[in-house]
Amino acid sequence: MNTIDEKINALVEAVLESEQYLHYQEIRRKLKEDPQKEQRVLEFCGRVFRLQNEQKGIDIFAEIDKLVQETASFRAEPLVEDYLAAEHEVCRLVQRINWSLVEQLDVDLGKGV
């Protein structure tokens, strides 16, 4: 195994042992105990993902506002709120890792596009 692979494995291990990831897994296990609620959360997350990645023909802000209003009571449920917050924290952690890597490398990643 080369040095980069070793460092990648160490980084993955650090993420797996991080407070954010462990908390996410704990909340995720609790959510799985209620399959209907889990399905609704997955549907909500899927809708958010599709909205964020839709590029044409929609007013994304209006659609997100509509989704937020439609799901307000559901998202206010403590387990759902905890899950979404924990998932967000893990996403932020992964983003920090990605940005740290990209910012430190002197390459033209996507700049010519």
PDB file of N, CA and C in Angstrom:
ATOM      1  N   MET A   1       0.862  -1.176   0.000  1.00  0.00           N
ATOM      2  CA  MET A   1       0.000   0.000   0.000  1.00  0.00           C
ATOM      3  C   MET A   1       0.906   1.236   0.000  1.00  0.00           C
ATOM      4  N   ASN A   2       0.553   2.216  -0.833  1.00  0.00           N
ATOM      5  CA  ASN A   2       1.388   3.423  -0.887  1.00  0.00           C
ATOM      6  C   ASN A   2       0.937   4.456   0.150  1.00  0.00           C
ATOM      7  N   THR A   3       1.729   5.514   0.263  1.00  0.00           N
ATOM      8  CA  THR A   3       1.482   6.538   1.275  1.00  0.00           C
ATOM      9  C   THR A   3       0.114   7.198   1.120  1.00  0.00           C
ATOM     10  N   ILE A   4      -0.285   7.499  -0.103  1.00  0.00           N
ATOM     11  CA  ILE A   4      -1.588   8.150  -0.319  1.00  0.00           C
ATOM     12  C   ILE A   4      -2.717   7.235   0.144  1.00  0.00           C
ATOM     13  N   ASP A   5      -2.649   5.968  -0.223  1.00  0.00           N
ATOM     14  CA  ASP A   5      -3.688   5.028   0.214  1.00  0.00           C
ATOM     15  C   ASP A   5      -3.739   4.932   1.736  1.00  0.00           C
ATOM     16  N   GLU A   6      -2.587   4.926   2.365  1.00  0.00           N
ATOM     17  CA  GLU A   6      -2.538   4.866   3.822  1.00  0.00           C
ATOM     18  C   GLU A   6      -3.189   6.110   4.431  1.00  0.00           C
ATOM     19  N   LYS A   7      -2.896   7.269   3.871  1.00  0.00           N
ATOM     20  CA  LYS A   7      -3.469   8.517   4.391  1.00  0.00           C
ATOM     21  C   LYS A   7      -4.977   8.571   4.148  1.00  0.00           C
ATOM     22  N   ILE A   8      -5.407   8.082   2.982  1.00  0.00           N
ATOM     23  CA  ILE A   8      -6.848   8.037   2.694  1.00  0.00           C
ATOM     24  C   ILE A   8      -7.539   7.129   3.707  1.00  0.00           C
ATOM     25  N   ASN A   9      -6.957   5.984   3.953  1.00  0.00           N
ATOM     26  CA  ASN A   9      -7.545   5.059   4.932  1.00  0.00           C
ATOM     27  C   ASN A   9      -7.595   5.690   6.319  1.00  0.00           C
ATOM     28  N   ALA A  10      -6.546   6.434   6.679  1.00  0.00           N
ATOM     29  CA  ALA A  10      -6.530   7.114   7.979  1.00  0.00           C
ATOM     30  C   ALA A  10      -7.616   8.191   8.038  1.00  0.00           C
ATOM     31  N   LEU A  11      -7.813   8.911   6.941  1.00  0.00           N
ATOM     32  CA  LEU A  11      -8.857   9.936   6.893  1.00  0.00           C
ATOM     33  C   LEU A  11     -10.245   9.298   7.017  1.00  0.00           C
ATOM     34  N   VAL A  12     -10.463   8.224   6.287  1.00  0.00           N
ATOM     35  CA  VAL A  12     -11.751   7.523   6.374  1.00  0.00           C
ATOM     36  C   VAL A  12     -11.986   7.050   7.804  1.00  0.00           C
ATOM     37  N   GLU A  13     -10.966   6.492   8.415  1.00  0.00           N
ATOM     38  CA  GLU A  13     -11.088   6.030   9.800  1.00  0.00           C
ATOM     39  C   GLU A  13     -11.416   7.193  10.738  1.00  0.00           C
ATOM     40  N   ALA A  14     -10.767   8.334  10.513  1.00  0.00           N
ATOM     41  CA  ALA A  14     -11.032   9.515  11.349  1.00  0.00           C
ATOM     42  C   ALA A  14     -12.477   9.979  11.195  1.00  0.00           C
ATOM     43  N   VAL A  15     -12.993   9.952   9.975  1.00  0.00           N
ATOM     44  CA  VAL A  15     -14.394  10.334   9.756  1.00  0.00           C
ATOM     45  C   VAL A  15     -15.318   9.340  10.444  1.00  0.00           C
ATOM     46  N   LEU A  16     -15.033   8.047  10.284  1.00  0.00           N
ATOM     47  CA  LEU A  16     -15.871   7.020  10.913  1.00  0.00           C
ATOM     48  C   LEU A  16     -15.890   7.146  12.435  1.00  0.00           C
ATOM     49  N   GLU A  17     -14.826   7.668  13.006  1.00  0.00           N
ATOM     50  CA  GLU A  17     -14.730   7.827  14.455  1.00  0.00           C
ATOM     51  C   GLU A  17     -15.126   9.227  14.924  1.00  0.00           C
ATOM     52  N   SER A  18     -15.472  10.107  13.995  1.00  0.00           N
ATOM     53  CA  SER A  18     -15.793  11.494  14.354  1.00  0.00           C
ATOM     54  C   SER A  18     -17.110  11.578  15.112  1.00  0.00           C
ATOM     55  N   GLU A  19     -17.210  12.598  15.929  1.00  0.00           N
ATOM     56  CA  GLU A  19     -18.437  12.845  16.688  1.00  0.00           C
ATOM     57  C   GLU A  19     -19.631  13.001  15.749  1.00  0.00           C
ATOM     58  N   GLN A  20     -19.418  13.727  14.650  1.00  0.00           N
ATOM     59  CA  GLN A  20     -20.517  13.971  13.709  1.00  0.00           C
ATOM     60  C   GLN A  20     -21.040  12.673  13.105  1.00  0.00           C
ATOM     61  N   TYR A  21     -20.117  11.816  12.648  1.00  0.00           N
ATOM     62  CA  TYR A  21     -20.531  10.580  12.000  1.00  0.00           C
ATOM     63  C   TYR A  21     -21.175   9.614  12.992  1.00  0.00           C
ATOM     64  N   LEU A  22     -20.602   9.496  14.186  1.00  0.00           N
ATOM     65  CA  LEU A  22     -21.168   8.603  15.197  1.00  0.00           C
ATOM     66  C   LEU A  22     -22.564   9.055  15.616  1.00  0.00           C
ATOM     67  N   HIS A  23     -22.743  10.367  15.753  1.00  0.00           N
ATOM     68  CA  HIS A  23     -24.070  10.898  16.096  1.00  0.00           C
ATOM     69  C   HIS A  23     -25.066  10.612  14.975  1.00  0.00           C
ATOM     70  N   TYR A  24     -24.640  10.828  13.739  1.00  0.00           N
ATOM     71  CA  TYR A  24     -25.501  10.541  12.586  1.00  0.00           C
ATOM     72  C   TYR A  24     -25.934   9.073  12.593  1.00  0.00           C
ATOM     73  N   GLN A  25     -24.996   8.162  12.821  1.00  0.00           N
ATOM     74  CA  GLN A  25     -25.328   6.739  12.816  1.00  0.00           C
ATOM     75  C   GLN A  25     -26.306   6.382  13.941  1.00  0.00           C
ATOM     76  N   GLU A  26     -26.131   7.015  15.094  1.00  0.00           N
ATOM     77  CA  GLU A  26     -27.046   6.774  16.214  1.00  0.00           C
ATOM     78  C   GLU A  26     -28.469   7.213  15.854  1.00  0.00           C
ATOM     79  N   ILE A  27     -28.599   8.410  15.306  1.00  0.00           N
ATOM     80  CA  ILE A  27     -29.923   8.928  14.925  1.00  0.00           C
ATOM     81  C   ILE A  27     -30.495   8.099  13.775  1.00  0.00           C
ATOM     82  N   ARG A  28     -29.644   7.705  12.847  1.00  0.00           N
ATOM     83  CA  ARG A  28     -30.089   6.889  11.713  1.00  0.00           C
ATOM     84  C   ARG A  28     -30.669   5.556  12.196  1.00  0.00           C
ATOM     85  N   ARG A  29     -30.014   4.931  13.177  1.00  0.00           N
ATOM     86  CA  ARG A  29     -30.534   3.670  13.739  1.00  0.00           C
ATOM     87  C   ARG A  29     -31.927   3.889  14.351  1.00  0.00           C
ATOM     88  N   LYS A  30     -32.090   4.994  15.064  1.00  0.00           N
ATOM     89  CA  LYS A  30     -33.397   5.300  15.674  1.00  0.00           C
ATOM     90  C   LYS A  30     -34.461   5.505  14.596  1.00  0.00           C
ATOM     91  N   LEU A  31     -34.091   6.195  13.533  1.00  0.00           N
ATOM     92  CA  LEU A  31     -35.046   6.445  12.450  1.00  0.00           C
ATOM     93  C   LEU A  31     -35.464   5.139  11.781  1.00  0.00           C
ATOM     94  N   LYS A  32     -34.535   4.213  11.618  1.00  0.00           N
ATOM     95  CA  LYS A  32     -34.844   2.931  10.983  1.00  0.00           C
ATOM     96  C   LYS A  32     -35.847   2.109  11.795  1.00  0.00           C
ATOM     97  N   GLU A  33     -35.999   2.430  13.063  1.00  0.00           N
ATOM     98  CA  GLU A  33     -36.978   1.734  13.902  1.00  0.00           C
ATOM     99  C   GLU A  33     -38.415   2.113  13.537  1.00  0.00           C
ATOM    100  N   ASP A  34     -38.573   3.192  12.778  1.00  0.00           N
ATOM    101  CA  ASP A  34     -39.893   3.639  12.323  1.00  0.00           C
ATOM    102  C   ASP A  34     -39.853   3.715  10.792  1.00  0.00           C
ATOM    103  N   PRO A  35     -40.092   2.582  10.111  1.00  0.00           N
ATOM    104  CA  PRO A  35     -39.935   2.525   8.656  1.00  0.00           C
ATOM    105  C   PRO A  35     -40.760   3.559   7.883  1.00  0.00           C
ATOM    106  N   GLN A  36     -41.969   3.874   8.379  1.00  0.00           N
ATOM    107  CA  GLN A  36     -42.785   4.877   7.681  1.00  0.00           C
ATOM    108  C   GLN A  36     -42.123   6.250   7.750  1.00  0.00           C
ATOM    109  N   LYS A  37     -41.642   6.602   8.924  1.00  0.00           N
ATOM    110  CA  LYS A  37     -40.979   7.888   9.089  1.00  0.00           C
ATOM    111  C   LYS A  37     -39.688   7.917   8.269  1.00  0.00           C
ATOM    112  N   GLU A  38     -38.962   6.809   8.286  1.00  0.00           N
ATOM    113  CA  GLU A  38     -37.726   6.724   7.496  1.00  0.00           C
ATOM    114  C   GLU A  38     -38.031   6.941   6.011  1.00  0.00           C
ATOM    115  N   GLN A  39     -39.102   6.319   5.525  1.00  0.00           N
ATOM    116  CA  GLN A  39     -39.470   6.473   4.114  1.00  0.00           C
ATOM    117  C   GLN A  39     -39.809   7.926   3.790  1.00  0.00           C
ATOM    118  N   ARG A  40     -40.533   8.585   4.683  1.00  0.00           N
ATOM    119  CA  ARG A  40     -40.881   9.997   4.461  1.00  0.00           C
ATOM    120  C   ARG A  40     -39.638  10.873   4.444  1.00  0.00           C
ATOM    121  N   VAL A  41     -38.681  10.587   5.329  1.00  0.00           N
ATOM    122  CA  VAL A  41     -37.424  11.353   5.353  1.00  0.00           C
ATOM    123  C   VAL A  41     -36.666  11.141   4.051  1.00  0.00           C
ATOM    124  N   LEU A  42     -36.581   9.897   3.597  1.00  0.00           N
ATOM    125  CA  LEU A  42     -35.870   9.611   2.352  1.00  0.00           C
ATOM    126  C   LEU A  42     -36.541  10.293   1.164  1.00  0.00           C
ATOM    127  N   GLU A  43     -37.862  10.306   1.151  1.00  0.00           N
ATOM    128  CA  GLU A  43     -38.587  11.000   0.082  1.00  0.00           C
ATOM    129  C   GLU A  43     -38.309  12.501   0.131  1.00  0.00           C
ATOM    130  N   PHE A  44     -38.319  13.072   1.322  1.00  0.00           N
ATOM    131  CA  PHE A  44     -38.021  14.494   1.485  1.00  0.00           C
ATOM    132  C   PHE A  44     -36.604  14.794   0.980  1.00  0.00           C
ATOM    133  N   CYS A  45     -35.646  13.997   1.416  1.00  0.00           N
ATOM    134  CA  CYS A  45     -34.259  14.219   0.995  1.00  0.00           C
ATOM    135  C   CYS A  45     -34.114  14.067  -0.519  1.00  0.00           C
ATOM    136  N   GLY A  46     -34.829  13.114  -1.091  1.00  0.00           N
ATOM    137  CA  GLY A  46     -34.805  12.937  -2.538  1.00  0.00           C
ATOM    138  C   GLY A  46     -35.363  14.154  -3.264  1.00  0.00           C
ATOM    139  N   ARG A  47     -36.452  14.694  -2.753  1.00  0.00           N
ATOM    140  CA  ARG A  47     -37.032  15.902  -3.361  1.00  0.00           C
ATOM    141  C   ARG A  47     -36.074  17.079  -3.270  1.00  0.00           C
ATOM    142  N   VAL A  48     -35.431  17.241  -2.121  1.00  0.00           N
ATOM    143  CA  VAL A  48     -34.456  18.327  -1.959  1.00  0.00           C
ATOM    144  C   VAL A  48     -33.307  18.145  -2.954  1.00  0.00           C
ATOM    145  N   PHE A  49     -32.804  16.927  -3.060  1.00  0.00           N
ATOM    146  CA  PHE A  49     -31.703  16.648  -3.991  1.00  0.00           C
ATOM    147  C   PHE A  49     -32.102  16.979  -5.424  1.00  0.00           C
ATOM    148  N   ARG A  50     -33.277  16.535  -5.825  1.00  0.00           N
ATOM    149  CA  ARG A  50     -33.723  16.811  -7.203  1.00  0.00           C
ATOM    150  C   ARG A  50     -33.884  18.309  -7.443  1.00  0.00           C
ATOM    151  N   LEU A  51     -34.416  19.034  -6.465  1.00  0.00           N
ATOM    152  CA  LEU A  51     -34.559  20.488  -6.606  1.00  0.00           C
ATOM    153  C   LEU A  51     -33.198  21.163  -6.734  1.00  0.00           C
ATOM    154  N   GLN A  52     -32.251  20.738  -5.910  1.00  0.00           N
ATOM    155  CA  GLN A  52     -30.924  21.352  -5.930  1.00  0.00           C
ATOM    156  C   GLN A  52     -30.188  21.073  -7.234  1.00  0.00           C
ATOM    157  N   ASN A  53     -30.544  19.990  -7.899  1.00  0.00           N
ATOM    158  CA  ASN A  53     -29.827  19.606  -9.107  1.00  0.00           C
ATOM    159  C   ASN A  53     -30.606  19.871 -10.392  1.00  0.00           C
ATOM    160  N   GLU A  54     -31.805  20.397 -10.265  1.00  0.00           N
ATOM    161  CA  GLU A  54     -32.606  20.775 -11.436  1.00  0.00           C
ATOM    162  C   GLU A  54     -32.050  22.075 -11.992  1.00  0.00           C
ATOM    163  N   GLN A  55     -31.754  22.102 -13.258  1.00  0.00           N
ATOM    164  CA  GLN A  55     -31.102  23.261 -13.847  1.00  0.00           C
ATOM    165  C   GLN A  55     -32.019  24.121 -14.716  1.00  0.00           C
ATOM    166  N   LYS A  56     -33.132  23.595 -15.139  1.00  0.00           N
ATOM    167  CA  LYS A  56     -33.902  24.336 -16.135  1.00  0.00           C
ATOM    168  C   LYS A  56     -35.389  24.405 -15.824  1.00  0.00           C
ATOM    169  N   GLY A  57     -35.943  25.530 -16.119  1.00  0.00           N
ATOM    170  CA  GLY A  57     -37.382  25.678 -16.132  1.00  0.00           C
ATOM    171  C   GLY A  57     -38.095  25.780 -14.793  1.00  0.00           C
ATOM    172  N   ILE A  58     -37.377  25.919 -13.704  1.00  0.00           N
ATOM    173  CA  ILE A  58     -38.088  26.076 -12.438  1.00  0.00           C
ATOM    174  C   ILE A  58     -37.509  27.251 -11.665  1.00  0.00           C
ATOM    175  N   ASP A  59     -38.340  27.793 -10.809  1.00  0.00           N
ATOM    176  CA  ASP A  59     -37.882  28.808  -9.862  1.00  0.00           C
ATOM    177  C   ASP A  59     -37.518  28.043  -8.590  1.00  0.00           C
ATOM    178  N   ILE A  60     -36.238  27.769  -8.447  1.00  0.00           N
ATOM    179  CA  ILE A  60     -35.784  26.901  -7.357  1.00  0.00           C
ATOM    180  C   ILE A  60     -36.167  27.446  -5.986  1.00  0.00           C
ATOM    181  N   PHE A  61     -36.095  28.764  -5.811  1.00  0.00           N
ATOM    182  CA  PHE A  61     -36.434  29.350  -4.516  1.00  0.00           C
ATOM    183  C   PHE A  61     -37.918  29.169  -4.198  1.00  0.00           C
ATOM    184  N   ALA A  62     -38.764  29.351  -5.188  1.00  0.00           N
ATOM    185  CA  ALA A  62     -40.202  29.145  -4.986  1.00  0.00           C
ATOM    186  C   ALA A  62     -40.497  27.682  -4.682  1.00  0.00           C
ATOM    187  N   GLU A  63     -39.831  26.778  -5.390  1.00  0.00           N
ATOM    188  CA  GLU A  63     -40.061  25.351  -5.165  1.00  0.00           C
ATOM    189  C   GLU A  63     -39.568  24.915  -3.788  1.00  0.00           C
ATOM    190  N   ILE A  64     -38.441  25.441  -3.358  1.00  0.00           N
ATOM    191  CA  ILE A  64     -37.931  25.106  -2.027  1.00  0.00           C
ATOM    192  C   ILE A  64     -38.854  25.675  -0.953  1.00  0.00           C
ATOM    193  N   ASP A  65     -39.322  26.912  -1.149  1.00  0.00           N
ATOM    194  CA  ASP A  65     -40.281  27.489  -0.199  1.00  0.00           C
ATOM    195  C   ASP A  65     -41.539  26.622  -0.103  1.00  0.00           C
ATOM    196  N   LYS A  66     -42.020  26.177  -1.246  1.00  0.00           N
ATOM    197  CA  LYS A  66     -43.207  25.309  -1.280  1.00  0.00           C
ATOM    198  C   LYS A  66     -42.934  24.006  -0.521  1.00  0.00           C
ATOM    199  N   LEU A  67     -41.788  23.402  -0.753  1.00  0.00           N
ATOM    200  CA  LEU A  67     -41.428  22.161  -0.074  1.00  0.00           C
ATOM    201  C   LEU A  67     -41.301  22.381   1.434  1.00  0.00           C
ATOM    202  N   VAL A  68     -40.684  23.479   1.821  1.00  0.00           N
ATOM    203  CA  VAL A  68     -40.516  23.802   3.238  1.00  0.00           C
ATOM    204  C   VAL A  68     -41.882  23.939   3.909  1.00  0.00           C
ATOM    205  N   GLN A  69     -42.812  24.623   3.246  1.00  0.00           N
ATOM    206  CA  GLN A  69     -44.149  24.796   3.817  1.00  0.00           C
ATOM    207  C   GLN A  69     -44.902  23.468   3.898  1.00  0.00           C
ATOM    208  N   GLU A  70     -44.786  22.657   2.855  1.00  0.00           N
ATOM    209  CA  GLU A  70     -45.485  21.363   2.818  1.00  0.00           C
ATOM    210  C   GLU A  70     -44.998  20.409   3.907  1.00  0.00           C
ATOM    211  N   THR A  71     -43.734  20.534   4.269  1.00  0.00           N
ATOM    212  CA  THR A  71     -43.134  19.547   5.172  1.00  0.00           C
ATOM    213  C   THR A  71     -42.804  20.103   6.556  1.00  0.00           C
ATOM    214  N   ALA A  72     -43.265  21.297   6.866  1.00  0.00           N
ATOM    215  CA  ALA A  72     -42.895  21.954   8.122  1.00  0.00           C
ATOM    216  C   ALA A  72     -43.256  21.110   9.347  1.00  0.00           C
ATOM    217  N   SER A  73     -44.479  20.610   9.406  1.00  0.00           N
ATOM    218  CA  SER A  73     -44.878  19.851  10.600  1.00  0.00           C
ATOM    219  C   SER A  73     -44.103  18.531  10.683  1.00  0.00           C
ATOM    220  N   PHE A  74     -43.882  17.902   9.570  1.00  0.00           N
ATOM    221  CA  PHE A  74     -43.113  16.658   9.539  1.00  0.00           C
ATOM    222  C   PHE A  74     -41.673  16.891   9.987  1.00  0.00           C
ATOM    223  N   ARG A  75     -41.046  17.938   9.466  1.00  0.00           N
ATOM    224  CA  ARG A  75     -39.656  18.235   9.822  1.00  0.00           C
ATOM    225  C   ARG A  75     -39.512  18.681  11.271  1.00  0.00           C
ATOM    226  N   ALA A  76     -40.588  19.140  11.884  1.00  0.00           N
ATOM    227  CA  ALA A  76     -40.551  19.585  13.282  1.00  0.00           C
ATOM    228  C   ALA A  76     -40.592  18.420  14.261  1.00  0.00           C
ATOM    229  N   GLU A  77     -40.902  17.230  13.784  1.00  0.00           N
ATOM    230  CA  GLU A  77     -40.873  16.059  14.656  1.00  0.00           C
ATOM    231  C   GLU A  77     -39.434  15.866  15.136  1.00  0.00           C
ATOM    232  N   PRO A  78     -39.233  15.675  16.438  1.00  0.00           N
ATOM    233  CA  PRO A  78     -37.878  15.636  17.001  1.00  0.00           C
ATOM    234  C   PRO A  78     -36.914  14.666  16.307  1.00  0.00           C
ATOM    235  N   LEU A  79     -37.351  13.451  16.023  1.00  0.00           N
ATOM    236  CA  LEU A  79     -36.459  12.482  15.394  1.00  0.00           C
ATOM    237  C   LEU A  79     -36.086  12.909  13.977  1.00  0.00           C
ATOM    238  N   VAL A  80     -37.049  13.431  13.243  1.00  0.00           N
ATOM    239  CA  VAL A  80     -36.793  13.896  11.880  1.00  0.00           C
ATOM    240  C   VAL A  80     -35.836  15.088  11.915  1.00  0.00           C
ATOM    241  N   GLU A  81     -36.120  16.024  12.790  1.00  0.00           N
ATOM    242  CA  GLU A  81     -35.265  17.204  12.939  1.00  0.00           C
ATOM    243  C   GLU A  81     -33.838  16.791  13.315  1.00  0.00           C
ATOM    244  N   ASP A  82     -33.708  15.853  14.253  1.00  0.00           N
ATOM    245  CA  ASP A  82     -32.386  15.374  14.671  1.00  0.00           C
ATOM    246  C   ASP A  82     -31.662  14.689  13.525  1.00  0.00           C
ATOM    247  N   TYR A  83     -32.386  13.860  12.775  1.00  0.00           N
ATOM    248  CA  TYR A  83     -31.762  13.159  11.647  1.00  0.00           C
ATOM    249  C   TYR A  83     -31.259  14.149  10.600  1.00  0.00           C
ATOM    250  N   LEU A  84     -32.112  15.086  10.213  1.00  0.00           N
ATOM    251  CA  LEU A  84     -31.717  16.052   9.186  1.00  0.00           C
ATOM    252  C   LEU A  84     -30.528  16.898   9.640  1.00  0.00           C
ATOM    253  N   ALA A  85     -30.505  17.277  10.893  1.00  0.00           N
ATOM    254  CA  ALA A  85     -29.382  18.056  11.423  1.00  0.00           C
ATOM    255  C   ALA A  85     -28.104  17.220  11.437  1.00  0.00           C
ATOM    256  N   ALA A  86     -28.209  15.962  11.855  1.00  0.00           N
ATOM    257  CA  ALA A  86     -27.030  15.088  11.901  1.00  0.00           C
ATOM    258  C   ALA A  86     -26.502  14.810  10.492  1.00  0.00           C
ATOM    259  N   GLU A  87     -27.414  14.576   9.558  1.00  0.00           N
ATOM    260  CA  GLU A  87     -27.003  14.353   8.168  1.00  0.00           C
ATOM    261  C   GLU A  87     -26.298  15.598   7.618  1.00  0.00           C
ATOM    262  N   HIS A  88     -26.830  16.756   7.936  1.00  0.00           N
ATOM    263  CA  HIS A  88     -26.242  18.024   7.497  1.00  0.00           C
ATOM    264  C   HIS A  88     -24.816  18.171   8.048  1.00  0.00           C
ATOM    265  N   GLU A  89     -24.609  17.809   9.302  1.00  0.00           N
ATOM    266  CA  GLU A  89     -23.279  17.905   9.911  1.00  0.00           C
ATOM    267  C   GLU A  89     -22.274  16.991   9.200  1.00  0.00           C
ATOM    268  N   VAL A  90     -22.695  15.789   8.853  1.00  0.00           N
ATOM    269  CA  VAL A  90     -21.801  14.875   8.132  1.00  0.00           C
ATOM    270  C   VAL A  90     -21.496  15.437   6.744  1.00  0.00           C
ATOM    271  N   CYS A  91     -22.497  15.983   6.083  1.00  0.00           N
ATOM    272  CA  CYS A  91     -22.279  16.594   4.760  1.00  0.00           C
ATOM    273  C   CYS A  91     -21.292  17.755   4.860  1.00  0.00           C
ATOM    274  N   ARG A  92     -21.425  18.572   5.882  1.00  0.00           N
ATOM    275  CA  ARG A  92     -20.491  19.696   6.092  1.00  0.00           C
ATOM    276  C   ARG A  92     -19.072  19.190   6.327  1.00  0.00           C
ATOM    277  N   LEU A  93     -18.935  18.108   7.071  1.00  0.00           N
ATOM    278  CA  LEU A  93     -17.623  17.523   7.323  1.00  0.00           C
ATOM    279  C   LEU A  93     -16.984  17.069   6.014  1.00  0.00           C
ATOM    280  N   VAL A  94     -17.737  16.369   5.196  1.00  0.00           N
ATOM    281  CA  VAL A  94     -17.222  15.900   3.905  1.00  0.00           C
ATOM    282  C   VAL A  94     -16.891  17.091   3.002  1.00  0.00           C
ATOM    283  N   GLN A  95     -17.731  18.120   3.005  1.00  0.00           N
ATOM    284  CA  GLN A  95     -17.435  19.321   2.220  1.00  0.00           C
ATOM    285  C   GLN A  95     -16.139  19.979   2.671  1.00  0.00           C
ATOM    286  N   ARG A  96     -15.930  20.066   3.996  1.00  0.00           N
ATOM    287  CA  ARG A  96     -14.690  20.654   4.518  1.00  0.00           C
ATOM    288  C   ARG A  96     -13.472  19.878   4.031  1.00  0.00           C
ATOM    289  N   ILE A  97     -13.578  18.567   4.041  1.00  0.00           N
ATOM    290  CA  ILE A  97     -12.477  17.727   3.561  1.00  0.00           C
ATOM    291  C   ILE A  97     -12.223  18.002   2.083  1.00  0.00           C
ATOM    292  N   ASN A  98     -13.288  18.008   1.290  1.00  0.00           N
ATOM    293  CA  ASN A  98     -13.143  18.251  -0.152  1.00  0.00           C
ATOM    294  C   ASN A  98     -12.537  19.627  -0.425  1.00  0.00           C
ATOM    295  N   TRP A  99     -13.079  20.659   0.226  1.00  0.00           N
ATOM    296  CA  TRP A  99     -12.576  22.012  -0.011  1.00  0.00           C
ATOM    297  C   TRP A  99     -11.130  22.161   0.443  1.00  0.00           C
ATOM    298  N   SER A 100     -10.781  21.546   1.557  1.00  0.00           N
ATOM    299  CA  SER A 100      -9.400  21.616   2.023  1.00  0.00           C
ATOM    300  C   SER A 100      -8.455  21.003   1.001  1.00  0.00           C
ATOM    301  N   LEU A 101      -8.835  19.896   0.444  1.00  0.00           N
ATOM    302  CA  LEU A 101      -8.016  19.245  -0.570  1.00  0.00           C
ATOM    303  C   LEU A 101      -7.909  20.099  -1.829  1.00  0.00           C
ATOM    304  N   VAL A 102      -9.036  20.550  -2.335  1.00  0.00           N
ATOM    305  CA  VAL A 102      -9.043  21.345  -3.571  1.00  0.00           C
ATOM    306  C   VAL A 102      -8.282  22.656  -3.395  1.00  0.00           C
ATOM    307  N   GLU A 103      -8.454  23.314  -2.252  1.00  0.00           N
ATOM    308  CA  GLU A 103      -7.786  24.594  -2.028  1.00  0.00           C
ATOM    309  C   GLU A 103      -6.273  24.454  -1.939  1.00  0.00           C
ATOM    310  N   GLN A 104      -5.799  23.314  -1.478  1.00  0.00           N
ATOM    311  CA  GLN A 104      -4.356  23.130  -1.301  1.00  0.00           C
ATOM    312  C   GLN A 104      -3.642  22.670  -2.568  1.00  0.00           C
ATOM    313  N   LEU A 105      -4.381  22.092  -3.496  1.00  0.00           N
ATOM    314  CA  LEU A 105      -3.767  21.599  -4.728  1.00  0.00           C
ATOM    315  C   LEU A 105      -3.670  22.710  -5.762  1.00  0.00           C
ATOM    316  N   ASP A 106      -2.554  22.766  -6.444  1.00  0.00           N
ATOM    317  CA  ASP A 106      -2.349  23.760  -7.492  1.00  0.00           C
ATOM    318  C   ASP A 106      -2.629  23.113  -8.843  1.00  0.00           C
ATOM    319  N   VAL A 107      -3.927  22.851  -9.083  1.00  0.00           N
ATOM    320  CA  VAL A 107      -4.368  22.279 -10.364  1.00  0.00           C
ATOM    321  C   VAL A 107      -5.579  23.056 -10.837  1.00  0.00           C
ATOM    322  N   ASP A 108      -5.818  23.022 -12.104  1.00  0.00           N
ATOM    323  CA  ASP A 108      -6.933  23.774 -12.694  1.00  0.00           C
ATOM    324  C   ASP A 108      -8.165  22.886 -12.813  1.00  0.00           C
ATOM    325  N   LEU A 109      -8.688  22.455 -11.686  1.00  0.00           N
ATOM    326  CA  LEU A 109      -9.841  21.578 -11.674  1.00  0.00           C
ATOM    327  C   LEU A 109     -11.094  22.329 -12.134  1.00  0.00           C
ATOM    328  N   GLY A 110     -11.528  22.033 -13.352  1.00  0.00           N
ATOM    329  CA  GLY A 110     -12.773  22.612 -13.850  1.00  0.00           C
ATOM    330  C   GLY A 110     -12.717  24.087 -14.213  1.00  0.00           C
ATOM    331  N   LYS A 111     -11.556  24.714 -14.135  1.00  0.00           N
ATOM    332  CA  LYS A 111     -11.486  26.157 -14.414  1.00  0.00           C
ATOM    333  C   LYS A 111     -11.677  26.468 -15.896  1.00  0.00           C
ATOM    334  N   GLY A 112     -11.411  25.520 -16.742  1.00  0.00           N
ATOM    335  CA  GLY A 112     -11.557  25.773 -18.179  1.00  0.00           C
ATOM    336  C   GLY A 112     -12.942  25.483 -18.695  1.00  0.00           C
ATOM    337  N   VAL A 113     -13.803  25.011 -17.841  1.00  0.00           N
ATOM    338  CA  VAL A 113     -15.159  24.638 -18.263  1.00  0.00           C
ATOM    339  C   VAL A 113     -16.055  25.848 -18.264  1.00  0.00           C
TER     340      VAL A 113
END
